C-alpha atoms as a PDB file:
ATOM      1  CA  LEU A   1     -16.414  -5.382   2.709  1.00  0.00           C
ATOM      2  CA  TRP A   2     -19.403  -7.065   1.082  1.00  0.00           C
ATOM      3  CA  GLU A   3     -20.904  -6.158  -2.260  1.00  0.00           C
ATOM      4  CA  THR A   4     -24.425  -6.984  -3.368  1.00  0.00           C
ATOM      5  CA  TYR A   5     -25.342  -7.244  -7.033  1.00  0.00           C
ATOM      6  CA  THR A   6     -28.841  -7.670  -8.383  1.00  0.00           C
ATOM      7  CA  TRP A   7     -29.989  -8.910 -11.766  1.00  0.00           C
ATOM      8  CA  ASP A   8     -33.519  -9.627 -12.942  1.00  0.00           C
ATOM      9  CA  ARG A   9     -34.638 -13.235 -12.598  1.00  0.00           C
ATOM     10  CA  LEU A  10     -34.848 -15.055 -15.902  1.00  0.00           C
ATOM     11  CA  PRO A  11     -37.955 -17.144 -16.680  1.00  0.00           C
ATOM     12  CA  ALA A  12     -36.550 -20.510 -17.787  1.00  0.00           C
ATOM     13  CA  ASN A  13     -34.624 -23.457 -16.333  1.00  0.00           C
ATOM     14  CA  TYR A  14     -30.987 -23.506 -17.366  1.00  0.00           C
ATOM     15  CA  HIS A  15     -28.219 -26.062 -17.641  1.00  0.00           C
ATOM     16  CA  GLY A  16     -24.649 -24.758 -17.453  1.00  0.00           C
ATOM     17  CA  SER A  17     -25.137 -21.538 -15.533  1.00  0.00           C
ATOM     18  CA  GLY A  18     -22.756 -22.422 -12.693  1.00  0.00           C
ATOM     19  CA  CYS A  19     -19.904 -23.585 -14.879  1.00  0.00           C
ATOM     20  CA  THR A  20     -20.368 -20.551 -17.134  1.00  0.00           C
ATOM     21  CA  LEU A  21     -20.052 -18.251 -14.127  1.00  0.00           C
ATOM     22  CA  ALA A  22     -17.056 -20.100 -12.663  1.00  0.00           C
ATOM     23  CA  ALA A  23     -15.178 -20.196 -15.970  1.00  0.00           C
ATOM     24  CA  ALA A  24     -15.858 -16.518 -16.597  1.00  0.00           C
ATOM     25  CA  ILE A  25     -14.560 -15.548 -13.149  1.00  0.00           C
ATOM     26  CA  ALA A  26     -11.422 -17.664 -13.603  1.00  0.00           C
ATOM     27  CA  GLY A  27     -10.776 -16.280 -17.076  1.00  0.00           C
ATOM     28  CA  LEU A  28     -11.210 -12.678 -15.998  1.00  0.00           C
ATOM     29  CA  MET A  29      -8.927 -13.144 -12.997  1.00  0.00           C
ATOM     30  CA  ALA A  30      -6.348 -14.789 -15.276  1.00  0.00           C
ATOM     31  CA  HIS A  31      -6.466 -11.595 -17.345  1.00  0.00           C
ATOM     32  CA  GLY A  32      -5.574  -9.601 -14.246  1.00  0.00           C
ATOM     33  CA  LEU A  33      -8.910  -8.361 -12.918  1.00  0.00           C
ATOM     34  CA  ALA A  34      -9.327  -8.140  -9.159  1.00  0.00           C
ATOM     35  CA  ALA A  35     -11.685 -10.722  -7.694  1.00  0.00           C
ATOM     36  CA  GLU A  36     -14.483  -8.209  -7.039  1.00  0.00           C
ATOM     37  CA  GLN A  37     -14.417  -6.839 -10.582  1.00  0.00           C
ATOM     38  CA  ALA A  38     -14.096 -10.331 -12.083  1.00  0.00           C
ATOM     39  CA  VAL A  39     -17.165 -11.535 -10.179  1.00  0.00           C
ATOM     40  CA  PHE A  40     -19.221  -8.525 -11.269  1.00  0.00           C
ATOM     41  CA  GLU A  41     -18.264  -8.820 -14.943  1.00  0.00           C
ATOM     42  CA  ALA A  42     -18.653 -12.610 -14.931  1.00  0.00           C
ATOM     43  CA  GLN A  43     -22.141 -12.327 -13.443  1.00  0.00           C
ATOM     44  CA  GLU A  44     -23.087  -9.798 -16.105  1.00  0.00           C
ATOM     45  CA  TYR A  45     -21.679 -12.068 -18.832  1.00  0.00           C
ATOM     46  CA  THR A  46     -23.500 -15.113 -17.418  1.00  0.00           C
ATOM     47  CA  TRP A  47     -26.801 -13.254 -17.163  1.00  0.00           C
ATOM     48  CA  ASN A  48     -26.491 -12.191 -20.807  1.00  0.00           C
ATOM     49  CA  ALA A  49     -25.557 -15.733 -21.873  1.00  0.00           C
ATOM     50  CA  LEU A  50     -28.659 -17.039 -20.090  1.00  0.00           C
ATOM     51  CA  SER A  51     -30.942 -14.320 -21.417  1.00  0.00           C
ATOM     52  CA  ASN A  52     -29.882 -15.374 -24.933  1.00  0.00           C
ATOM     53  CA  ALA A  53     -30.117 -19.111 -24.128  1.00  0.00           C
ATOM     54  CA  TYR A  54     -31.441 -21.679 -26.565  1.00  0.00           C
ATOM     55  CA  ARG A  55     -33.440 -24.831 -25.973  1.00  0.00           C
ATOM     56  CA  PRO A  56     -32.216 -27.647 -28.225  1.00  0.00           C
ATOM     57  CA  GLY A  57     -35.043 -30.028 -27.280  1.00  0.00           C
ATOM     58  CA  LYS A  58     -37.627 -30.245 -24.548  1.00  0.00           C
ATOM     59  CA  GLY A  59     -35.132 -30.001 -21.665  1.00  0.00           C
ATOM     60  CA  GLN A  60     -33.394 -27.096 -20.040  1.00  0.00           C
ATOM     61  CA  HIS A  61     -32.111 -24.049 -21.862  1.00  0.00           C
ATOM     62  CA  ASN A  62     -28.381 -23.834 -22.604  1.00  0.00           C
ATOM     63  CA  PRO A  63     -26.487 -20.555 -22.224  1.00  0.00           C
ATOM     64  CA  ASP A  64     -25.485 -18.883 -25.466  1.00  0.00           C
ATOM     65  CA  ARG A  65     -21.908 -18.093 -24.484  1.00  0.00           C
ATOM     66  CA  PHE A  66     -21.284 -16.495 -27.868  1.00  0.00           C
ATOM     67  CA  PHE A  67     -24.158 -13.996 -27.654  1.00  0.00           C
ATOM     68  CA  TRP A  68     -21.646 -11.178 -28.053  1.00  0.00           C
ATOM     69  CA  THR A  69     -20.738 -12.343 -31.595  1.00  0.00           C
ATOM     70  CA  GLU A  70     -24.261 -11.727 -32.898  1.00  0.00           C
ATOM     71  CA  THR A  71     -24.622  -8.701 -35.112  1.00  0.00           C
ATOM     72  CA  GLU A  72     -27.816  -6.761 -35.539  1.00  0.00           C
ATOM     73  CA  GLU A  73     -28.850  -6.178 -39.110  1.00  0.00           C
END
């Protein structure tokens, strides 16, 4: 059984997207999620980390892996 997930394409160039995704999948599976659910949630997490990315200089954007700690005032 194959699943297809779709997220909007983000506009920038990113550094760290692959390792963010891989670490999120591994962490979620270590917490007991099935592979399919872990992949879905990790992709969602990675997309959000990239959509909140920051650019420390003139190079690629870095994922904000702590986007979920931000509070709206």
